Protein backbone atom coordinates (compact mmCIF):
# COMPACT_ATOMS: atom_id res chain seq x y z
CA MET A 1 28.09 -98.55 6.32
CA LEU A 2 28.75 -98.54 2.49
CA LYS A 3 31.96 -96.85 3.01
CA THR A 4 33.04 -99.15 5.66
CA ARG A 5 32.33 -102.22 3.58
CA TYR A 6 34.28 -100.84 0.56
CA THR A 7 37.11 -99.67 2.66
CA ILE A 8 37.45 -103.11 4.22
CA ALA A 9 37.38 -104.68 0.68
CA TYR A 10 40.12 -102.27 -0.42
CA VAL A 11 42.20 -103.01 2.58
CA ALA A 12 41.81 -106.86 1.75
CA LEU A 13 42.88 -106.22 -1.89
CA MET A 14 45.78 -104.19 -0.73
CA THR A 15 46.77 -106.74 1.59
CA LEU A 16 46.54 -109.49 -1.13
CA VAL A 17 48.68 -107.48 -3.43
CA VAL A 18 51.37 -106.85 -0.78
CA VAL A 19 51.56 -110.65 0.20
CA ALA A 20 51.56 -111.68 -3.34
CA SER A 21 54.34 -109.27 -4.22
CA ASN A 22 56.40 -110.36 -1.22
CA PHE A 23 56.06 -114.02 -2.47
CA LEU A 24 56.54 -113.20 -6.26
CA VAL A 25 59.75 -111.19 -5.63
CA GLN A 26 61.40 -114.63 -5.07
CA PHE A 27 61.06 -115.71 -8.63
CA PRO A 28 63.28 -114.04 -11.59
CA LEU A 29 61.59 -113.24 -14.83
CA ASN A 30 63.33 -115.84 -17.06
CA ALA A 31 63.06 -114.05 -20.42
CA GLU A 32 65.29 -111.88 -22.75
CA VAL A 33 64.25 -108.85 -24.55
CA ALA A 34 66.57 -106.82 -26.89
CA GLY A 35 69.54 -108.82 -25.51
CA ILE A 36 68.63 -107.90 -21.96
CA ASN A 37 68.49 -110.94 -19.63
CA LEU A 38 65.42 -110.02 -17.61
CA ALA A 39 66.25 -112.54 -14.90
CA ASP A 40 69.26 -110.45 -13.92
CA ILE A 41 67.19 -107.50 -13.27
CA LEU A 42 63.52 -108.41 -12.65
CA THR A 43 61.34 -110.64 -10.57
CA TRP A 44 57.58 -111.23 -10.97
CA GLY A 45 56.87 -109.16 -7.96
CA ALA A 46 57.63 -106.03 -10.16
CA PHE A 47 54.69 -106.74 -12.06
CA SER A 48 52.25 -107.27 -9.13
CA TYR A 49 53.33 -104.44 -6.91
CA PRO A 50 52.18 -101.53 -9.14
CA ILE A 51 48.59 -102.85 -8.76
CA ALA A 52 48.72 -101.25 -5.29
CA PHE A 53 48.49 -97.74 -6.94
CA LEU A 54 45.25 -98.92 -8.60
CA ILE A 55 43.89 -99.74 -5.35
CA THR A 56 44.97 -96.59 -3.73
CA ASP A 57 43.59 -94.47 -6.69
CA LEU A 58 40.24 -96.16 -6.77
CA THR A 59 39.85 -95.59 -2.84
CA ASN A 60 40.93 -92.06 -3.42
CA ARG A 61 38.38 -91.64 -6.21
CA GLN A 62 35.41 -93.11 -4.36
CA PHE A 63 36.15 -91.95 -0.69
CA GLY A 64 38.81 -89.39 -0.89
CA PRO A 65 42.38 -89.03 0.45
CA GLN A 66 41.72 -89.88 4.21
CA ALA A 67 40.14 -93.26 3.21
CA ALA A 68 43.07 -93.88 0.80
CA ARG A 69 45.61 -93.20 3.44
CA LYS A 70 43.91 -95.79 5.76
CA VAL A 71 44.26 -98.45 3.04
CA VAL A 72 47.84 -97.52 2.47
CA PHE A 73 48.62 -97.54 6.21
CA ALA A 74 47.06 -101.12 6.38
CA GLY A 75 49.25 -102.20 3.60
CA PHE A 76 52.24 -100.72 5.25
CA VAL A 77 51.66 -102.82 8.45
CA VAL A 78 51.24 -106.03 6.47
CA GLY A 79 54.29 -105.26 4.26
CA VAL A 80 56.86 -104.27 6.95
CA THR A 81 55.59 -107.30 9.11
CA LEU A 82 56.25 -109.75 6.20
CA SER A 83 59.44 -107.99 5.21
CA PHE A 84 60.97 -108.53 8.69
CA PHE A 85 60.19 -112.19 8.63
CA THR A 86 61.28 -112.83 4.97
CA SER A 87 64.32 -110.54 4.54
CA VAL A 88 67.02 -108.69 6.29
CA PRO A 89 66.22 -105.51 8.36
CA ARG A 90 67.79 -103.21 5.77
CA ILE A 91 65.49 -104.50 2.95
CA ALA A 92 62.58 -104.30 5.36
CA ILE A 93 63.24 -100.71 6.29
CA ALA A 94 63.80 -99.73 2.60
CA SER A 95 60.53 -101.58 1.54
CA GLY A 96 58.27 -100.08 4.07
CA SER A 97 59.70 -96.57 3.67
CA ALA A 98 59.39 -96.68 -0.14
CA TYR A 99 55.92 -98.11 -0.04
CA LEU A 100 54.69 -95.42 2.24
CA ALA A 101 56.37 -92.49 0.72
CA GLY A 102 55.35 -93.63 -2.80
CA GLN A 103 51.75 -94.35 -2.03
CA LEU A 104 51.24 -91.11 0.01
CA LEU A 105 52.63 -89.03 -2.81
CA ASP A 106 50.31 -90.88 -5.31
CA ILE A 107 47.35 -89.85 -3.02
CA ALA A 108 48.51 -86.17 -2.92
CA VAL A 109 49.05 -85.93 -6.68
CA PHE A 110 45.86 -87.78 -7.43
CA ASN A 111 43.78 -85.44 -5.23
CA ARG A 112 45.34 -82.33 -6.86
CA LEU A 113 44.60 -83.58 -10.35
CA ARG A 114 41.19 -85.44 -9.68
CA ARG A 115 39.09 -82.80 -11.45
CA GLN A 116 41.15 -82.88 -14.61
CA ALA A 117 40.98 -85.43 -17.52
CA TRP A 118 39.87 -88.92 -16.08
CA TRP A 119 43.20 -90.49 -16.78
CA ARG A 120 45.50 -87.79 -15.69
CA ALA A 121 45.14 -88.30 -11.98
CA PRO A 122 45.70 -92.06 -11.73
CA LEU A 123 48.54 -91.99 -14.41
CA VAL A 124 50.43 -89.03 -13.18
CA GLY A 125 49.95 -89.93 -9.47
CA SER A 126 51.08 -93.63 -9.96
CA LEU A 127 54.16 -92.73 -12.14
CA ILE A 128 55.46 -90.00 -9.68
CA GLY A 129 54.78 -92.33 -6.70
CA SER A 130 56.44 -95.17 -8.44
CA ALA A 131 59.38 -93.09 -9.29
CA LEU A 132 59.86 -92.11 -5.58
CA ASP A 133 59.14 -95.68 -4.50
CA THR A 134 61.92 -96.96 -6.80
CA VAL A 135 64.46 -94.38 -5.95
CA MET A 136 63.99 -94.85 -2.19
CA PHE A 137 63.74 -98.63 -2.33
CA PHE A 138 66.86 -99.29 -4.14
CA SER A 139 69.00 -96.53 -2.65
CA LEU A 140 68.12 -97.39 0.90
CA SER A 141 68.61 -101.20 0.19
CA PHE A 142 71.93 -101.14 -1.90
CA ALA A 143 73.46 -97.71 -2.06
CA ALA A 144 76.84 -97.72 -0.14
CA PHE A 145 75.92 -94.49 1.60
CA PHE A 146 73.13 -96.09 3.53
CA VAL A 147 75.37 -98.78 5.16
CA PHE A 148 74.19 -97.57 8.61
CA LEU A 149 70.84 -99.25 7.78
CA GLY A 150 72.68 -102.64 7.50
CA PRO A 151 75.60 -104.32 5.79
CA ASN A 152 76.24 -103.56 2.18
CA ASP A 153 75.64 -106.19 -0.51
CA PRO A 154 78.91 -106.54 -2.42
CA PHE A 155 77.22 -108.17 -5.52
CA ALA A 156 74.78 -105.24 -5.74
CA LEU A 157 77.57 -102.75 -5.43
CA GLU A 158 79.68 -104.47 -8.16
CA ALA A 159 80.18 -102.48 -11.31
CA ALA A 160 78.52 -104.05 -14.32
CA PRO A 161 77.29 -102.92 -17.78
CA VAL A 162 73.94 -101.03 -17.31
CA LEU A 163 71.18 -103.58 -18.09
CA GLY A 164 73.79 -105.99 -19.13
CA VAL A 165 74.11 -104.58 -22.58
CA PHE A 166 75.43 -101.10 -22.48
CA ALA A 167 79.08 -100.09 -22.47
CA THR A 168 78.58 -97.84 -19.41
CA GLU A 169 79.19 -99.57 -16.18
CA ALA A 170 77.32 -98.82 -12.86
CA PRO A 171 76.53 -100.72 -9.64
CA ARG A 172 74.24 -103.66 -10.37
CA TRP A 173 71.52 -102.12 -8.27
CA ILE A 174 71.15 -99.27 -10.77
CA SER A 175 70.19 -101.76 -13.45
CA TRP A 176 67.71 -103.32 -11.03
CA ALA A 177 66.16 -99.95 -10.31
CA ILE A 178 65.95 -99.06 -13.94
CA GLY A 179 64.17 -102.29 -14.77
CA ASP A 180 61.87 -102.00 -11.89
CA PHE A 181 60.74 -98.46 -12.82
CA ALA A 182 60.24 -99.47 -16.52
CA VAL A 183 57.87 -102.16 -15.41
CA LYS A 184 56.05 -99.91 -13.12
CA MET A 185 55.58 -97.44 -15.97
CA ILE A 186 54.18 -100.12 -18.19
CA VAL A 187 51.87 -101.56 -15.53
CA GLY A 188 50.75 -98.12 -14.79
CA LEU A 189 49.64 -97.52 -18.25
CA VAL A 190 47.87 -100.99 -18.35
CA MET A 191 46.12 -100.19 -15.10
CA LEU A 192 44.32 -97.30 -16.76
CA LEU A 193 42.00 -99.94 -18.52
CA PRO A 194 40.48 -101.33 -15.21
CA TYR A 195 40.38 -97.95 -13.70
CA GLY A 196 38.51 -96.46 -16.57
CA ALA A 197 36.21 -99.45 -16.68
CA LEU A 198 35.40 -99.08 -13.00
CA MET A 199 34.90 -95.31 -13.08
CA ASN A 200 31.09 -95.43 -13.73
CA VAL A 201 30.69 -98.24 -11.02
CA LEU A 202 32.73 -96.74 -8.26
CA ARG A 203 31.35 -93.17 -8.33
CA PRO A 204 32.93 -90.57 -6.00
CA MET A 205 30.81 -89.90 -2.78
CA GLN A 206 30.09 -86.31 -1.94
CA ALA A 207 32.93 -86.05 0.52
CA ALA A 208 35.37 -87.20 -2.03
CA ARG A 209 34.11 -84.63 -4.60
CA ALA A 210 34.66 -81.78 -2.18
CA GLY A 211 38.11 -83.11 -1.29
């Protein structure tokens, strides 16, 4: 009964993060750092989305990988449904595929490292999962090779200085991916604070310890 209640709570939190991220992705981050116009490469959704890894890791710590996968699949259903209503099919496919692959990789890495230093499993798992998520989403969404998923976006493929400041040029989506992953790394580090604070509250059940 306790496991069911907590799992429902984790599913609700994951759903909230997915819904919030789908909404916040509409709003560019109007700021400038080191000459980089962040509005050109980032939206507020980049800051809310990595919280999904915290929810997955807390579920994994408390109840093990099987429960964590259930939470991830619930978020997948919500995310794909919203994406098909709010964006083109290619973006929806990319978003769902990247989310699912990144979260499942995070679960696998976390489970392998769970008996090591307390910070290693959530940090390494979320960073590796985020890297896969970023590569898959931006490649499937914008790389010319994946045109079979839907029409290419000429603006995304247009060459421009990397991050808008470097002499090297690349398709715009490369800068978007770099900016997105940079934010995920920063948020991943910040998420260690609530994870550490909740460690003594959300203790692993016996099945999770043995997993």
